[in-house]
Protein backbone atom coordinates (compact mmCIF):
# COMPACT_ATOMS: atom_id res chain seq x y z
CA UNK A 1 54.25 34.73 202.97
CA UNK A 2 51.51 32.97 204.95
CA UNK A 3 48.49 34.57 206.53
CA UNK A 4 48.86 35.39 210.20
CA UNK A 5 45.82 36.41 212.24
CA UNK A 6 48.07 38.21 214.68
CA UNK A 7 48.93 40.70 211.95
CA UNK A 8 45.32 41.83 211.80
CA UNK A 9 44.14 41.38 215.37
CA UNK A 10 44.43 45.04 216.27
CA UNK A 11 42.37 46.04 213.25
CA UNK A 12 39.74 43.37 214.02
CA UNK A 13 39.47 44.49 217.64
CA UNK A 14 39.16 48.12 216.53
CA UNK A 15 36.43 47.21 214.01
CA UNK A 16 34.48 45.28 216.67
CA UNK A 17 34.76 48.15 219.13
CA UNK A 18 33.61 50.61 216.47
CA UNK A 19 30.59 48.44 215.67
CA UNK A 20 29.69 48.15 219.34
CA UNK A 21 30.05 51.89 219.88
CA UNK A 22 27.96 52.69 216.79
CA UNK A 23 25.25 50.26 217.88
CA UNK A 24 25.12 51.74 221.36
CA UNK A 25 25.02 55.29 219.97
CA UNK A 26 22.02 54.41 217.79
CA UNK A 27 20.24 52.76 220.71
CA UNK A 28 21.01 55.74 222.93
CA UNK A 29 19.52 58.18 220.42
CA UNK A 30 16.48 56.25 219.28
CA UNK A 31 15.62 53.60 221.87
CA UNK A 32 17.05 54.02 225.37
CA UNK A 33 14.81 56.30 227.50
CA UNK A 34 16.46 59.32 229.13
CA UNK A 35 14.65 61.53 231.60
CA UNK A 36 15.76 65.12 231.16
CA UNK A 37 16.61 67.34 234.09
CA UNK A 38 14.38 70.02 235.56
CA UNK A 39 12.48 72.79 233.87
CA UNK A 40 14.01 75.96 232.47
CA UNK A 41 11.39 78.25 233.97
CA UNK A 42 7.88 78.15 235.32
CA UNK A 43 4.94 80.48 235.41
CA UNK A 44 3.13 81.20 238.69
CA UNK A 45 1.17 78.16 239.88
CA UNK A 46 -2.35 77.94 238.48
CA UNK A 47 -4.75 76.36 240.93
CA UNK A 48 -6.81 73.55 239.48
CA UNK A 49 -9.30 71.01 240.75
CA UNK A 50 -8.29 67.39 240.82
CA UNK A 51 -9.94 64.55 238.95
CA UNK A 52 -12.52 63.96 241.67
CA UNK A 53 -13.77 67.53 241.43
CA UNK A 54 -12.51 68.40 244.92
CA UNK A 55 -10.58 71.56 245.52
CA UNK A 56 -7.13 70.77 246.82
CA UNK A 57 -7.03 71.01 250.59
CA UNK A 58 -10.68 70.56 251.45
CA UNK A 59 -13.18 67.74 251.60
CA UNK A 60 -16.07 69.31 249.70
CA UNK A 61 -16.88 68.98 246.02
CA UNK A 62 -16.81 72.30 244.16
CA UNK A 63 -18.35 72.43 240.69
CA UNK A 64 -16.63 75.75 239.91
CA UNK A 65 -19.70 76.92 238.04
CA UNK A 66 -18.37 80.42 237.41
CA UNK A 67 -15.23 79.11 235.75
CA UNK A 68 -12.98 80.67 238.39
CA UNK A 69 -10.78 78.94 240.90
CA UNK A 70 -12.30 79.55 244.29
CA UNK A 71 -10.89 79.26 247.73
CA UNK A 72 -13.82 80.37 249.83
CA UNK A 73 -16.25 77.53 249.19
CA UNK A 74 -18.67 79.77 247.29
CA UNK A 75 -19.06 77.28 244.44
CA UNK A 76 -20.57 74.25 246.12
CA UNK A 77 -23.15 73.07 243.58
CA UNK A 78 -22.72 69.37 242.92
CA UNK A 79 -23.51 68.14 239.43
CA UNK A 80 -23.27 64.47 238.53
CA UNK A 81 -21.75 64.09 235.05
CA UNK A 82 -24.16 63.10 232.30
CA UNK A 83 -22.42 60.55 230.08
CA UNK A 84 -23.38 58.77 226.86
CA UNK A 85 -21.33 56.86 224.29
CA UNK A 86 -20.64 60.12 222.45
CA UNK A 87 -20.91 62.84 225.08
CA UNK A 88 -19.86 64.02 228.52
CA UNK A 89 -21.25 66.96 230.46
CA UNK A 90 -20.77 68.38 233.94
CA UNK A 91 -20.80 71.90 235.38
CA UNK A 92 -17.42 72.76 233.84
CA UNK A 93 -16.83 70.54 230.81
CA UNK A 94 -18.92 69.54 227.83
CA UNK A 95 -17.66 67.14 225.16
CA UNK A 96 -19.64 65.96 222.14
CA UNK A 97 -18.25 63.47 219.61
CA UNK A 98 -19.33 63.45 215.97
CA UNK A 99 -18.02 61.29 213.13
CA UNK A 100 -17.84 62.72 209.62
CA UNK A 101 -16.97 61.30 206.22
CA UNK A 102 -14.66 63.73 204.44
CA UNK A 103 -12.87 63.01 201.15
CA UNK A 104 -13.32 59.25 201.55
CA UNK A 105 -11.95 59.47 205.09
CA UNK A 106 -13.46 58.94 208.54
CA UNK A 107 -12.93 62.05 210.65
CA UNK A 108 -13.67 62.20 214.38
CA UNK A 109 -14.47 65.54 215.97
CA UNK A 110 -14.71 66.29 219.68
CA UNK A 111 -16.55 69.56 220.21
CA UNK A 112 -15.36 70.83 223.60
CA UNK A 113 -16.69 73.63 225.78
CA UNK A 114 -14.98 74.44 229.06
CA UNK A 115 -15.80 76.89 231.83
CA UNK A 116 -12.09 77.67 232.21
CA UNK A 117 -8.96 76.98 230.12
CA UNK A 118 -7.48 75.15 233.11
CA UNK A 119 -9.48 72.09 231.99
CA UNK A 120 -7.33 71.89 228.84
CA UNK A 121 -3.97 70.51 229.91
CA UNK A 122 -1.14 68.25 228.77
CA UNK A 123 0.60 65.15 230.09
CA UNK A 124 3.96 63.48 229.45
CA UNK A 125 4.30 59.76 228.79
CA UNK A 126 5.08 58.00 232.07
CA UNK A 127 4.85 61.39 233.76
CA UNK A 128 8.42 62.05 232.59
CA UNK A 129 9.96 64.72 230.37
CA UNK A 130 12.73 63.07 228.38
CA UNK A 131 14.06 61.44 225.22
CA UNK A 132 12.61 58.09 224.08
CA UNK A 133 10.13 58.12 226.98
CA UNK A 134 6.94 56.93 225.32
CA UNK A 135 3.63 55.20 225.91
CA UNK A 136 0.32 54.83 224.08
CA UNK A 137 -2.02 57.83 224.16
CA UNK A 138 -4.68 55.71 225.90
CA UNK A 139 -2.23 54.67 228.63
CA UNK A 140 -1.23 58.25 229.43
CA UNK A 141 -4.87 59.35 229.26
CA UNK A 142 -5.87 56.62 231.71
CA UNK A 143 -3.13 57.54 234.14
CA UNK A 144 -4.24 61.20 234.31
CA UNK A 145 -7.99 60.36 234.22
CA UNK A 146 -8.55 62.39 231.05
CA UNK A 147 -12.10 62.70 229.79
CA UNK A 148 -10.77 63.31 226.28
CA UNK A 149 -7.25 63.03 224.91
CA UNK A 150 -5.37 63.18 221.61
CA UNK A 151 -1.71 62.67 220.87
CA UNK A 152 0.47 65.77 221.12
CA UNK A 153 3.47 66.99 219.14
CA UNK A 154 5.84 64.08 219.96
CA UNK A 155 8.44 66.53 221.30
CA UNK A 156 10.68 63.60 222.27
CA UNK A 157 11.47 62.76 218.66
CA UNK A 158 13.33 66.05 218.24
CA UNK A 159 16.00 68.04 220.08
CA UNK A 160 14.66 71.47 219.09
CA UNK A 161 11.30 73.16 219.28
CA UNK A 162 9.77 74.84 222.31
CA UNK A 163 8.29 72.63 225.04
CA UNK A 164 6.08 74.61 227.41
CA UNK A 165 3.55 72.51 229.27
CA UNK A 166 1.09 73.39 232.02
CA UNK A 167 2.90 76.65 232.68
CA UNK A 168 6.40 75.16 232.86
CA UNK A 169 9.09 75.76 230.23
CA UNK A 170 11.15 72.62 229.57
CA UNK A 171 12.91 73.40 226.28
CA UNK A 172 13.73 76.75 224.71
CA UNK A 173 15.91 75.64 221.76
CA UNK A 174 14.19 77.11 218.71
CA UNK A 175 13.41 75.44 215.40
CA UNK A 176 11.87 76.62 212.14
CA UNK A 177 8.43 75.44 213.22
CA UNK A 178 5.21 77.31 213.60
CA UNK A 179 3.97 76.72 217.14
CA UNK A 180 0.54 76.70 218.73
CA UNK A 181 0.29 78.71 221.95
CA UNK A 182 -2.45 78.42 224.57
CA UNK A 183 -2.51 81.44 226.86
CA UNK A 184 -3.86 81.52 230.40
CA UNK A 185 -6.99 83.30 229.19
CA UNK A 186 -7.78 80.38 226.87
CA UNK A 187 -6.78 82.04 223.61
CA UNK A 188 -5.02 79.99 220.92
CA UNK A 189 -2.44 81.66 218.68
CA UNK A 190 -0.08 80.39 215.97
CA UNK A 191 3.44 81.87 216.22
CA UNK A 192 6.79 81.31 214.51
CA UNK A 193 9.70 80.36 216.76
CA UNK A 194 11.97 82.65 214.75
CA UNK A 195 9.85 85.64 215.81
CA UNK A 196 9.55 85.11 219.57
CA UNK A 197 11.51 83.33 222.29
CA UNK A 198 10.04 80.67 224.53
CA UNK A 199 10.75 82.79 227.61
CA UNK A 200 8.92 85.72 226.04
CA UNK A 201 5.88 83.52 225.41
CA UNK A 202 6.00 82.40 229.04
CA UNK A 203 6.24 86.03 230.15
CA UNK A 204 3.27 86.87 227.91
CA UNK A 205 1.08 84.36 229.72
CA UNK A 206 1.50 81.19 227.66
CA UNK A 207 0.72 77.97 229.54
CA UNK A 208 1.09 75.50 226.64
CA UNK A 209 3.25 75.56 223.52
CA UNK A 210 3.21 72.77 220.92
CA UNK A 211 5.93 72.67 218.27
CA UNK A 212 4.91 70.71 215.18
CA UNK A 213 2.64 72.45 212.71
CA UNK A 214 1.99 74.01 210.44
CA UNK A 215 -0.79 76.35 211.45
CA UNK A 216 -3.95 75.68 209.44
CA UNK A 217 -6.23 78.65 210.17
CA UNK A 218 -5.74 82.16 211.51
CA UNK A 219 -8.69 84.53 211.96
CA UNK A 220 -10.83 81.97 210.17
CA UNK A 221 -8.68 82.05 207.02
CA UNK A 222 -6.76 79.07 205.63
CA UNK A 223 -2.98 79.58 205.96
CA UNK A 224 -1.72 76.48 204.12
CA UNK A 225 -1.68 75.83 200.39
CA UNK A 226 -2.91 72.77 198.55
CA UNK A 227 0.73 71.64 198.30
CA UNK A 228 1.75 72.21 201.92
CA UNK A 229 2.95 69.09 203.72
CA UNK A 230 4.96 68.11 206.78
CA UNK A 231 8.49 67.01 205.96
CA UNK A 232 8.38 63.91 203.77
CA UNK A 233 4.84 62.92 204.75
CA UNK A 234 2.53 61.56 202.10
CA UNK A 235 -0.08 64.01 200.80
CA UNK A 236 -2.95 62.13 202.45
CA UNK A 237 -2.46 60.89 205.98
CA UNK A 238 -4.08 60.26 209.32
CA UNK A 239 -4.17 63.65 211.03
CA UNK A 240 -4.52 65.21 214.47
CA UNK A 241 -5.48 68.85 214.93
CA UNK A 242 -6.70 71.24 217.59
CA UNK A 243 -8.76 74.35 216.86
CA UNK A 244 -10.68 77.14 218.56
CA UNK A 245 -14.07 78.50 217.57
CA UNK A 246 -14.54 81.06 220.35
CA UNK A 247 -13.72 81.67 224.01
CA UNK A 248 -13.84 78.35 225.85
CA UNK A 249 -14.91 76.49 222.70
CA UNK A 250 -12.40 74.10 221.09
CA UNK A 251 -12.31 71.32 218.53
CA UNK A 252 -10.14 68.21 218.71
CA UNK A 253 -9.96 66.42 215.37
CA UNK A 254 -8.45 63.09 214.34
CA UNK A 255 -8.76 61.45 210.93
CA UNK A 256 -8.08 57.91 209.81
CA UNK A 257 -5.98 57.09 206.76
CA UNK A 258 -3.55 54.75 205.02
CA UNK A 259 -6.15 52.01 204.51
CA UNK A 260 -8.37 50.90 201.65
CA UNK A 261 -11.40 52.43 203.36
CA UNK A 262 -9.73 55.70 204.36
CA UNK A 263 -7.59 57.79 202.06
CA UNK A 264 -6.52 60.27 204.73
CA UNK A 265 -6.49 64.06 204.43
CA UNK A 266 -4.05 66.58 203.05
CA UNK A 267 -3.30 69.54 205.29
CA UNK A 268 -5.32 71.77 203.00
CA UNK A 269 -8.32 69.42 203.17
CA UNK A 270 -7.99 69.38 206.96
CA UNK A 271 -7.92 73.17 207.03
CA UNK A 272 -10.99 73.36 204.77
CA UNK A 273 -12.88 70.98 207.03
CA UNK A 274 -12.03 72.89 210.20
CA UNK A 275 -13.02 76.14 208.52
CA UNK A 276 -16.40 74.61 207.63
CA UNK A 277 -16.95 73.89 211.35
CA UNK A 278 -16.41 77.55 212.22
CA UNK A 279 -12.87 77.32 213.58
CA UNK A 280 -10.98 80.62 213.77
CA UNK A 281 -7.56 79.24 214.77
CA UNK A 282 -6.38 75.72 213.89
CA UNK A 283 -3.12 73.82 214.11
CA UNK A 284 -1.74 70.50 212.90
CA UNK A 285 -0.29 68.19 215.55
CA UNK A 286 1.70 65.00 214.98
CA UNK A 287 -0.16 62.72 212.56
CA UNK A 288 0.33 59.44 210.73
CA UNK A 289 0.53 56.42 212.99
CA UNK A 290 0.53 58.71 216.04
CA UNK A 291 -2.99 60.05 215.39
CA UNK A 292 -5.18 58.82 218.24
CA UNK A 293 -8.32 60.04 220.00
CA UNK A 294 -9.38 58.62 223.36
CA UNK A 295 -12.73 59.32 224.99
CA UNK A 296 -13.39 58.06 228.53
CA UNK A 297 -10.76 55.35 228.15
CA UNK A 298 -11.82 54.13 224.70
CA UNK A 299 -9.83 54.65 221.49
CA UNK A 300 -12.30 56.27 219.09
CA UNK A 301 -10.41 56.20 215.79
CA UNK A 302 -8.41 53.48 214.02
CA UNK A 303 -4.68 54.22 214.42
CA UNK A 304 -2.88 52.94 211.35
CA UNK A 305 0.60 52.69 209.90
CA UNK A 306 1.77 51.36 206.53
CA UNK A 307 -1.74 50.73 205.26
CA UNK A 308 -2.89 48.32 207.96
CA UNK A 309 -4.51 48.53 211.35
CA UNK A 310 -2.04 48.32 214.20
CA UNK A 311 -1.97 48.97 217.89
CA UNK A 312 -1.44 52.55 219.01
CA UNK A 313 1.94 54.09 218.41
CA UNK A 314 3.68 55.06 221.62
CA UNK A 315 4.20 58.82 221.83
CA UNK A 316 5.85 61.24 224.23
CA UNK A 317 2.89 63.47 225.14
CA UNK A 318 -0.86 64.03 224.93
CA UNK A 319 -3.34 66.91 225.02
CA UNK A 320 -6.20 66.40 227.49
CA UNK A 321 -9.55 67.65 228.60
CA UNK A 322 -10.42 66.94 232.21
CA UNK A 323 -9.48 67.68 235.81
CA UNK A 324 -5.72 67.93 236.12
CA UNK A 325 -4.23 66.21 239.13
CA UNK A 326 -2.14 68.38 241.42
């Protein structure tokens, strides 16, 4: 009996359609950008000054020297920012960069002091909350005029984990992660999503929640072991972390890694280092090739993947210091 293509055409067509569908499904999950719909809930609006230092709705510059949002024009002292290659200072924000060598790794620390926690904010890639919506940390930072920025928790790579940004709750599906919470009074706290709902955190005054982890320090004590790691990450990696020393005093830390000159840090080494700087609360953000620090438009560290220098990895969100645009 001879071979007849017609006998198999239905199976061939079905196989082709299955391949096309599978290919599209993979692209839809991992490549094609999707903007999500509106927020779940929002906290009361927090008034902020824009990037020019002007209070919204008036034409005068307000330095906000008491750290409070004013509406009566009482804070009218103008202060021109003092800027160097490694520092920025105005009436409300002070940033000082220092580079350390820790465990054969270059570590970059931004010591930040703010008059109000409103100067610590977040931004989405392309100003859009969604899946596969990404851009380089420096691009997002430039768009929002950030003085300082680091990559965030890359919420867009997952479908679970709280997303609460600038007082607005976008995702409340819980995961097994430890989260970092920034409250309206400027306090940082590490919480477990299994212990508290996202809406409860919002009700308690949270304005930012990052879901990655783990927490590194609580009350000045190290909370990770020498063997703690994130998923399948290598023991030593580029890292990004945020920490708090005291009221209005934060640390943003990024380390290099995965190169011949930089081994990278374990989470325990990162925690030890932050403890040595006096941090009381500290938290691990997305690391590896995502780890990026930007200061006044310049990338400070050397983002790396697979043991070689590369361009920045595009990510879904950043953490900023500066004057949030309304």
